[in-house]
N, C-alpha and C. Protein backbone atom coordinates (compact mmCIF):
# COMPACT_ATOMS: atom_id res chain seq x y z
N UNK A 1 0.84 -1.19 0.00
CA UNK A 1 0.00 0.00 0.00
C UNK A 1 0.88 1.24 0.00
N UNK A 2 0.63 2.13 -0.91
CA UNK A 2 1.46 3.31 -1.04
C UNK A 2 1.10 4.40 -0.04
N UNK A 3 -0.17 4.59 0.22
CA UNK A 3 -0.61 5.74 1.00
C UNK A 3 -1.23 5.31 2.33
N UNK A 4 -0.41 4.90 3.24
CA UNK A 4 -0.91 4.55 4.57
C UNK A 4 -1.22 5.83 5.34
N UNK A 5 -2.26 5.82 6.14
CA UNK A 5 -2.56 7.03 6.92
C UNK A 5 -1.48 7.29 7.97
N UNK A 6 -1.28 8.55 8.24
CA UNK A 6 -0.32 8.91 9.28
C UNK A 6 -0.87 8.51 10.64
N UNK A 7 -0.03 8.53 11.64
CA UNK A 7 -0.47 8.21 13.00
C UNK A 7 -1.53 9.20 13.48
N UNK A 8 -1.37 10.47 13.14
CA UNK A 8 -2.38 11.46 13.56
C UNK A 8 -3.70 11.25 12.82
N UNK A 9 -3.63 10.84 11.55
CA UNK A 9 -4.84 10.55 10.80
C UNK A 9 -5.57 9.35 11.41
N UNK A 10 -4.84 8.32 11.73
CA UNK A 10 -5.42 7.13 12.36
C UNK A 10 -6.01 7.47 13.72
N UNK A 11 -5.32 8.29 14.48
CA UNK A 11 -5.82 8.71 15.80
C UNK A 11 -7.09 9.54 15.65
N UNK A 12 -7.12 10.44 14.68
CA UNK A 12 -8.32 11.26 14.45
C UNK A 12 -9.49 10.36 14.07
N UNK A 13 -9.24 9.39 13.20
CA UNK A 13 -10.29 8.46 12.79
C UNK A 13 -10.85 7.69 13.99
N UNK A 14 -9.94 7.12 14.78
CA UNK A 14 -10.37 6.33 15.94
C UNK A 14 -11.17 7.17 16.93
N UNK A 15 -10.71 8.38 17.18
CA UNK A 15 -11.44 9.25 18.11
C UNK A 15 -12.79 9.68 17.55
N UNK A 16 -12.85 9.91 16.26
CA UNK A 16 -14.13 10.26 15.62
C UNK A 16 -15.13 9.11 15.79
N UNK A 17 -14.68 7.89 15.53
CA UNK A 17 -15.55 6.73 15.66
C UNK A 17 -15.97 6.51 17.12
N UNK A 18 -15.04 6.63 18.04
CA UNK A 18 -15.36 6.45 19.46
C UNK A 18 -16.30 7.54 19.97
N UNK A 19 -16.05 8.77 19.56
CA UNK A 19 -16.92 9.88 20.00
C UNK A 19 -18.33 9.69 19.45
N UNK A 20 -18.43 9.27 18.20
CA UNK A 20 -19.75 9.03 17.61
C UNK A 20 -20.47 7.92 18.38
N UNK A 21 -19.78 6.82 18.62
CA UNK A 21 -20.40 5.69 19.32
C UNK A 21 -20.85 6.09 20.72
N UNK A 22 -20.01 6.83 21.42
CA UNK A 22 -20.35 7.28 22.77
C UNK A 22 -21.58 8.20 22.76
N UNK A 23 -21.59 9.17 21.85
CA UNK A 23 -22.71 10.11 21.77
C UNK A 23 -24.01 9.40 21.40
N UNK A 24 -23.95 8.49 20.43
CA UNK A 24 -25.15 7.76 20.03
C UNK A 24 -25.64 6.85 21.15
N UNK A 25 -24.72 6.21 21.85
CA UNK A 25 -25.12 5.37 22.98
C UNK A 25 -25.82 6.18 24.06
N UNK A 26 -25.32 7.39 24.32
CA UNK A 26 -25.96 8.27 25.31
C UNK A 26 -27.38 8.62 24.87
N UNK A 27 -27.54 8.96 23.61
CA UNK A 27 -28.86 9.32 23.09
C UNK A 27 -29.80 8.12 23.15
N UNK A 28 -29.32 6.95 22.73
CA UNK A 28 -30.15 5.74 22.76
C UNK A 28 -30.58 5.42 24.20
N UNK A 29 -29.66 5.52 25.13
CA UNK A 29 -29.96 5.23 26.54
C UNK A 29 -31.00 6.21 27.08
N UNK A 30 -30.85 7.48 26.76
CA UNK A 30 -31.80 8.49 27.23
C UNK A 30 -33.20 8.23 26.68
N UNK A 31 -33.29 7.88 25.40
CA UNK A 31 -34.59 7.58 24.80
C UNK A 31 -35.20 6.33 25.45
N UNK A 32 -34.39 5.31 25.63
CA UNK A 32 -34.88 4.08 26.26
C UNK A 32 -35.36 4.35 27.68
N UNK A 33 -34.58 5.11 28.45
CA UNK A 33 -34.96 5.44 29.83
C UNK A 33 -36.27 6.22 29.89
N UNK A 34 -36.54 6.98 28.84
CA UNK A 34 -37.78 7.76 28.78
C UNK A 34 -38.94 6.94 28.20
N UNK A 35 -38.68 5.67 27.88
CA UNK A 35 -39.74 4.83 27.33
C UNK A 35 -40.10 5.16 25.90
N UNK A 36 -39.14 5.70 25.17
CA UNK A 36 -39.37 6.13 23.79
C UNK A 36 -38.68 5.18 22.81
N UNK A 37 -39.08 5.21 21.54
CA UNK A 37 -38.45 4.35 20.53
C UNK A 37 -36.98 4.69 20.31
N UNK A 38 -36.33 3.83 19.56
CA UNK A 38 -34.91 3.99 19.24
C UNK A 38 -34.66 5.21 18.37
N UNK A 39 -33.44 5.68 18.42
CA UNK A 39 -33.02 6.86 17.68
C UNK A 39 -33.25 6.71 16.18
N UNK A 40 -33.06 5.53 15.64
CA UNK A 40 -33.28 5.32 14.20
C UNK A 40 -34.72 5.62 13.81
N UNK A 41 -35.65 5.38 14.72
CA UNK A 41 -37.05 5.71 14.43
C UNK A 41 -37.21 7.22 14.34
N UNK A 42 -36.53 7.95 15.19
CA UNK A 42 -36.62 9.41 15.16
C UNK A 42 -36.18 9.91 13.79
N UNK A 43 -35.08 9.38 13.29
CA UNK A 43 -34.54 9.84 12.02
C UNK A 43 -35.53 9.61 10.88
N UNK A 44 -36.19 8.45 10.87
CA UNK A 44 -37.21 8.17 9.85
C UNK A 44 -38.36 9.15 9.98
N UNK A 45 -38.84 9.33 11.20
CA UNK A 45 -39.98 10.23 11.43
C UNK A 45 -39.63 11.66 11.04
N UNK A 46 -38.43 12.09 11.33
CA UNK A 46 -38.00 13.44 10.97
C UNK A 46 -38.02 13.62 9.46
N UNK A 47 -37.43 12.69 8.73
CA UNK A 47 -37.39 12.82 7.27
C UNK A 47 -38.79 12.79 6.67
N UNK A 48 -39.66 11.92 7.20
CA UNK A 48 -41.03 11.87 6.67
C UNK A 48 -41.81 13.13 7.02
N UNK A 49 -41.57 13.67 8.20
CA UNK A 49 -42.24 14.92 8.59
C UNK A 49 -41.77 16.06 7.69
N UNK A 50 -40.48 16.11 7.42
CA UNK A 50 -39.93 17.15 6.54
C UNK A 50 -40.48 17.03 5.13
N UNK A 51 -40.79 15.82 4.70
CA UNK A 51 -41.30 15.60 3.34
C UNK A 51 -42.70 16.15 3.17
N UNK A 52 -43.41 16.34 4.27
CA UNK A 52 -44.75 16.91 4.20
C UNK A 52 -45.77 15.98 3.58
N UNK A 53 -46.76 16.58 2.96
CA UNK A 53 -47.89 15.82 2.40
C UNK A 53 -47.49 14.86 1.29
N UNK A 54 -46.40 15.15 0.60
CA UNK A 54 -45.98 14.30 -0.51
C UNK A 54 -45.37 12.98 -0.04
N UNK A 55 -44.88 12.95 1.18
CA UNK A 55 -44.23 11.75 1.69
C UNK A 55 -42.94 11.47 0.93
N UNK A 56 -42.40 10.29 1.14
CA UNK A 56 -41.16 9.89 0.47
C UNK A 56 -41.28 8.47 -0.03
N UNK A 57 -40.72 8.23 -1.18
CA UNK A 57 -40.60 6.86 -1.66
C UNK A 57 -39.51 6.19 -0.83
N UNK A 58 -39.59 4.89 -0.64
CA UNK A 58 -38.59 4.20 0.19
C UNK A 58 -37.15 4.45 -0.24
N UNK A 59 -36.90 4.50 -1.53
CA UNK A 59 -35.54 4.75 -2.01
C UNK A 59 -35.02 6.12 -1.60
N UNK A 60 -35.87 7.12 -1.66
CA UNK A 60 -35.47 8.47 -1.25
C UNK A 60 -35.20 8.51 0.24
N UNK A 61 -36.01 7.82 1.02
CA UNK A 61 -35.79 7.76 2.46
C UNK A 61 -34.49 7.02 2.75
N UNK A 62 -34.26 5.95 2.05
CA UNK A 62 -33.03 5.17 2.20
C UNK A 62 -31.80 6.04 1.94
N UNK A 63 -31.83 6.83 0.87
CA UNK A 63 -30.70 7.71 0.55
C UNK A 63 -30.53 8.80 1.60
N UNK A 64 -31.63 9.35 2.09
CA UNK A 64 -31.55 10.42 3.10
C UNK A 64 -30.95 9.91 4.40
N UNK A 65 -31.22 8.66 4.73
CA UNK A 65 -30.75 8.10 6.00
C UNK A 65 -29.48 7.28 5.87
N UNK A 66 -29.07 7.01 4.65
CA UNK A 66 -27.88 6.19 4.39
C UNK A 66 -28.01 4.82 5.04
N UNK A 67 -29.20 4.23 4.94
CA UNK A 67 -29.44 2.88 5.45
C UNK A 67 -29.52 1.91 4.29
N UNK A 68 -29.24 0.67 4.57
CA UNK A 68 -29.43 -0.37 3.57
C UNK A 68 -30.92 -0.68 3.47
N UNK A 69 -31.36 -1.01 2.26
CA UNK A 69 -32.78 -1.22 2.00
C UNK A 69 -33.40 -2.27 2.91
N UNK A 70 -32.71 -3.39 3.14
CA UNK A 70 -33.31 -4.44 3.96
C UNK A 70 -33.47 -4.01 5.41
N UNK A 71 -32.56 -3.20 5.93
CA UNK A 71 -32.71 -2.68 7.29
C UNK A 71 -33.89 -1.72 7.38
N UNK A 72 -33.99 -0.85 6.40
CA UNK A 72 -35.07 0.13 6.39
C UNK A 72 -36.43 -0.54 6.23
N UNK A 73 -36.51 -1.55 5.38
CA UNK A 73 -37.79 -2.23 5.17
C UNK A 73 -38.31 -2.84 6.47
N UNK A 74 -37.45 -3.51 7.20
CA UNK A 74 -37.88 -4.10 8.48
C UNK A 74 -38.26 -3.02 9.49
N UNK A 75 -37.49 -1.94 9.50
CA UNK A 75 -37.79 -0.85 10.42
C UNK A 75 -39.13 -0.21 10.08
N UNK A 76 -39.38 0.03 8.81
CA UNK A 76 -40.66 0.61 8.39
C UNK A 76 -41.81 -0.33 8.74
N UNK A 77 -41.61 -1.64 8.55
CA UNK A 77 -42.65 -2.61 8.93
C UNK A 77 -43.01 -2.45 10.41
N UNK A 78 -42.01 -2.35 11.27
CA UNK A 78 -42.26 -2.20 12.72
C UNK A 78 -42.92 -0.86 13.03
N UNK A 79 -42.49 0.19 12.35
CA UNK A 79 -43.06 1.51 12.59
C UNK A 79 -44.49 1.59 12.08
N UNK A 80 -44.77 0.91 10.98
CA UNK A 80 -46.13 0.87 10.45
C UNK A 80 -47.03 0.11 11.43
N UNK A 81 -46.53 -1.01 11.96
CA UNK A 81 -47.31 -1.80 12.93
C UNK A 81 -47.60 -0.99 14.19
N UNK A 82 -46.69 -0.08 14.53
CA UNK A 82 -46.87 0.79 15.71
C UNK A 82 -47.76 1.99 15.39
N UNK A 83 -48.16 2.14 14.12
CA UNK A 83 -49.04 3.25 13.73
C UNK A 83 -48.34 4.58 13.53
N UNK A 84 -47.02 4.56 13.35
CA UNK A 84 -46.26 5.80 13.23
C UNK A 84 -46.03 6.24 11.79
N UNK A 85 -46.07 5.29 10.87
CA UNK A 85 -45.94 5.60 9.45
C UNK A 85 -47.02 4.85 8.68
N UNK A 86 -47.34 5.34 7.51
CA UNK A 86 -48.32 4.71 6.64
C UNK A 86 -47.73 4.58 5.25
N UNK A 87 -48.06 3.49 4.60
CA UNK A 87 -47.66 3.28 3.20
C UNK A 87 -48.88 3.54 2.32
N UNK A 88 -48.64 4.28 1.26
CA UNK A 88 -49.71 4.55 0.30
C UNK A 88 -49.19 4.22 -1.09
N UNK A 89 -50.07 3.84 -2.00
CA UNK A 89 -49.62 3.55 -3.37
C UNK A 89 -49.03 4.80 -4.02
N UNK A 90 -48.01 4.60 -4.83
CA UNK A 90 -47.41 5.69 -5.60
C UNK A 90 -48.29 5.96 -6.80
N UNK A 91 -48.66 7.20 -6.99
CA UNK A 91 -49.65 7.56 -8.01
C UNK A 91 -49.21 7.21 -9.43
N UNK A 92 -47.90 7.23 -9.71
CA UNK A 92 -47.42 6.99 -11.07
C UNK A 92 -47.00 5.54 -11.32
N UNK A 93 -47.05 4.71 -10.29
CA UNK A 93 -46.61 3.32 -10.44
C UNK A 93 -47.33 2.50 -9.38
N UNK A 94 -48.29 1.72 -9.80
CA UNK A 94 -49.12 0.97 -8.84
C UNK A 94 -48.29 0.01 -7.99
N UNK A 95 -47.13 -0.39 -8.48
CA UNK A 95 -46.29 -1.30 -7.69
C UNK A 95 -45.50 -0.56 -6.62
N UNK A 96 -45.32 0.74 -6.79
CA UNK A 96 -44.53 1.54 -5.86
C UNK A 96 -45.35 2.01 -4.67
N UNK A 97 -44.66 2.56 -3.72
CA UNK A 97 -45.33 3.08 -2.54
C UNK A 97 -44.67 4.36 -2.06
N UNK A 98 -45.42 5.12 -1.30
CA UNK A 98 -44.93 6.35 -0.70
C UNK A 98 -45.16 6.22 0.81
N UNK A 99 -44.18 6.64 1.56
CA UNK A 99 -44.27 6.57 3.02
C UNK A 99 -44.66 7.93 3.57
N UNK A 100 -45.54 7.92 4.55
CA UNK A 100 -46.01 9.15 5.19
C UNK A 100 -45.94 8.99 6.70
N UNK A 101 -45.66 10.07 7.37
CA UNK A 101 -45.74 10.08 8.84
C UNK A 101 -47.22 10.22 9.21
N UNK A 102 -47.62 9.52 10.26
CA UNK A 102 -49.00 9.63 10.75
C UNK A 102 -49.04 10.68 11.86
N UNK A 103 -50.23 11.00 12.29
CA UNK A 103 -50.38 11.93 13.43
C UNK A 103 -49.69 11.36 14.66
N UNK A 104 -49.82 10.05 14.87
CA UNK A 104 -49.16 9.42 16.02
C UNK A 104 -47.64 9.50 15.87
N UNK A 105 -47.15 9.34 14.64
CA UNK A 105 -45.71 9.45 14.38
C UNK A 105 -45.20 10.86 14.66
N UNK A 106 -45.99 11.84 14.24
CA UNK A 106 -45.62 13.24 14.50
C UNK A 106 -45.58 13.50 16.00
N UNK A 107 -46.53 12.97 16.71
CA UNK A 107 -46.61 13.15 18.16
C UNK A 107 -45.41 12.51 18.87
N UNK A 108 -45.06 11.29 18.50
CA UNK A 108 -43.95 10.61 19.16
C UNK A 108 -42.63 11.30 18.81
N UNK A 109 -42.50 11.79 17.58
CA UNK A 109 -41.27 12.51 17.21
C UNK A 109 -41.12 13.76 18.08
N UNK A 110 -42.23 14.46 18.30
CA UNK A 110 -42.18 15.66 19.14
C UNK A 110 -41.86 15.32 20.59
N UNK A 111 -42.28 14.15 21.05
CA UNK A 111 -41.94 13.71 22.41
C UNK A 111 -40.48 13.28 22.50
N UNK A 112 -39.95 12.74 21.41
CA UNK A 112 -38.57 12.27 21.40
C UNK A 112 -37.56 13.41 21.35
N UNK A 113 -37.90 14.48 20.65
CA UNK A 113 -36.93 15.55 20.42
C UNK A 113 -36.34 16.14 21.70
N UNK A 114 -37.10 16.49 22.72
CA UNK A 114 -36.47 17.06 23.92
C UNK A 114 -35.47 16.11 24.58
N UNK A 115 -35.76 14.82 24.55
CA UNK A 115 -34.84 13.84 25.13
C UNK A 115 -33.57 13.75 24.29
N UNK A 116 -33.76 13.69 22.99
CA UNK A 116 -32.64 13.64 22.05
C UNK A 116 -31.81 14.93 22.15
N UNK A 117 -32.48 16.07 22.19
CA UNK A 117 -31.79 17.36 22.29
C UNK A 117 -30.95 17.44 23.56
N UNK A 118 -31.49 16.95 24.67
CA UNK A 118 -30.74 16.96 25.93
C UNK A 118 -29.50 16.06 25.82
N UNK A 119 -29.63 14.93 25.13
CA UNK A 119 -28.48 14.04 24.95
C UNK A 119 -27.41 14.70 24.08
N UNK A 120 -27.84 15.43 23.05
CA UNK A 120 -26.89 16.16 22.20
C UNK A 120 -26.18 17.22 23.03
N UNK A 121 -26.94 17.93 23.85
CA UNK A 121 -26.35 18.97 24.69
C UNK A 121 -25.34 18.37 25.67
N UNK A 122 -25.67 17.23 26.24
CA UNK A 122 -24.75 16.56 27.17
C UNK A 122 -23.49 16.08 26.45
N UNK A 123 -23.66 15.50 25.28
CA UNK A 123 -22.53 14.92 24.56
C UNK A 123 -21.62 15.96 23.92
N UNK A 124 -22.20 17.07 23.48
CA UNK A 124 -21.41 18.06 22.73
C UNK A 124 -21.48 19.45 23.37
N UNK A 125 -22.68 19.93 23.56
CA UNK A 125 -22.87 21.31 23.99
C UNK A 125 -22.19 21.67 25.30
N UNK A 126 -22.28 20.78 26.27
CA UNK A 126 -21.70 21.07 27.59
C UNK A 126 -20.20 20.80 27.65
N UNK A 127 -19.68 20.12 26.66
CA UNK A 127 -18.27 19.71 26.68
C UNK A 127 -17.37 20.63 25.86
N UNK A 128 -17.97 21.41 24.97
CA UNK A 128 -17.21 22.29 24.09
C UNK A 128 -17.72 23.72 24.20
N UNK A 129 -16.82 24.66 24.04
CA UNK A 129 -17.23 26.06 24.01
C UNK A 129 -17.95 26.33 22.69
N UNK A 130 -18.59 27.47 22.58
CA UNK A 130 -19.27 27.84 21.34
C UNK A 130 -18.29 27.86 20.18
N UNK A 131 -17.11 28.39 20.41
CA UNK A 131 -16.10 28.45 19.35
C UNK A 131 -15.65 27.05 18.97
N UNK A 132 -15.48 26.16 19.94
CA UNK A 132 -15.07 24.79 19.64
C UNK A 132 -16.16 24.04 18.88
N UNK A 133 -17.41 24.26 19.25
CA UNK A 133 -18.51 23.61 18.53
C UNK A 133 -18.55 24.07 17.08
N UNK A 134 -18.36 25.35 16.88
CA UNK A 134 -18.35 25.91 15.53
C UNK A 134 -17.19 25.32 14.72
N UNK A 135 -16.04 25.23 15.34
CA UNK A 135 -14.86 24.68 14.65
C UNK A 135 -15.06 23.19 14.36
N UNK A 136 -15.63 22.45 15.29
CA UNK A 136 -15.88 21.03 15.07
C UNK A 136 -16.85 20.85 13.90
N UNK A 137 -17.93 21.62 13.89
CA UNK A 137 -18.90 21.53 12.79
C UNK A 137 -18.23 21.86 11.46
N UNK A 138 -17.38 22.86 11.46
CA UNK A 138 -16.66 23.24 10.23
C UNK A 138 -15.75 22.11 9.77
N UNK A 139 -14.98 21.55 10.69
CA UNK A 139 -14.04 20.48 10.33
C UNK A 139 -14.77 19.22 9.86
N UNK A 140 -15.81 18.84 10.56
CA UNK A 140 -16.56 17.65 10.16
C UNK A 140 -17.24 17.87 8.80
N UNK A 141 -17.67 19.10 8.55
CA UNK A 141 -18.26 19.42 7.26
C UNK A 141 -17.28 19.20 6.12
N UNK A 142 -15.99 19.39 6.38
CA UNK A 142 -14.98 19.17 5.36
C UNK A 142 -14.84 17.69 5.01
N UNK A 143 -15.26 16.82 5.91
CA UNK A 143 -15.16 15.38 5.67
C UNK A 143 -16.35 14.82 4.90
N UNK A 144 -17.39 15.62 4.76
CA UNK A 144 -18.62 15.17 4.11
C UNK A 144 -18.69 15.61 2.66
N UNK A 145 -19.25 14.76 1.80
CA UNK A 145 -19.51 15.21 0.43
C UNK A 145 -20.48 16.39 0.47
N UNK A 146 -20.37 17.29 -0.44
CA UNK A 146 -21.19 18.51 -0.42
C UNK A 146 -22.68 18.21 -0.47
N UNK A 147 -23.08 17.11 -1.11
CA UNK A 147 -24.51 16.83 -1.23
C UNK A 147 -25.13 16.29 0.07
N UNK A 148 -24.32 15.93 1.06
CA UNK A 148 -24.88 15.48 2.33
C UNK A 148 -24.34 16.27 3.51
N UNK A 149 -23.60 17.32 3.26
CA UNK A 149 -23.00 18.09 4.35
C UNK A 149 -24.06 18.72 5.23
N UNK A 150 -25.21 19.07 4.69
CA UNK A 150 -26.28 19.64 5.51
C UNK A 150 -25.90 20.99 6.04
N UNK A 151 -26.90 21.62 6.67
CA UNK A 151 -26.67 22.95 7.21
C UNK A 151 -26.72 22.96 8.72
N UNK A 152 -26.88 21.79 9.34
CA UNK A 152 -26.87 21.72 10.80
C UNK A 152 -28.16 22.14 11.46
N UNK A 153 -29.26 22.25 10.68
CA UNK A 153 -30.54 22.62 11.27
C UNK A 153 -30.91 21.63 12.37
N UNK A 154 -31.46 22.16 13.45
CA UNK A 154 -31.93 21.26 14.49
C UNK A 154 -33.25 20.64 14.05
N UNK A 155 -33.42 19.36 14.35
CA UNK A 155 -34.64 18.66 13.92
C UNK A 155 -35.82 19.09 14.68
């Protein structure tokens, strides 16, 4: 191999992965302790809520969440059984479907957000100064392709 990562690059990678795992575990634990669904459900509900009345086709949701289709299909099945999402036929293709958030899904997402927000604040907000948070967001943005870099809007 010609281009092995430097020691600092490897260290940055390892810390990025560990920090992500730690922050996500904190958020998952907080949601579970509050008797709420898993964080992955929040992400689906957020994207469907943002899609509005048009909903999203499964492929578009898959791309937005960067999930594999088989994982998303099982998750949507469970969320549909819980009454949080609904599948409707796609108007231009009878074989296709469009996913929509239900009123119950909107309600649970709104209940999840304060718990999730508190976990984000604990994992990042309380540990870094405003300047450090801004710099971290800037640096992480450099690692993302421009089409998924996002603007950091709070959900």
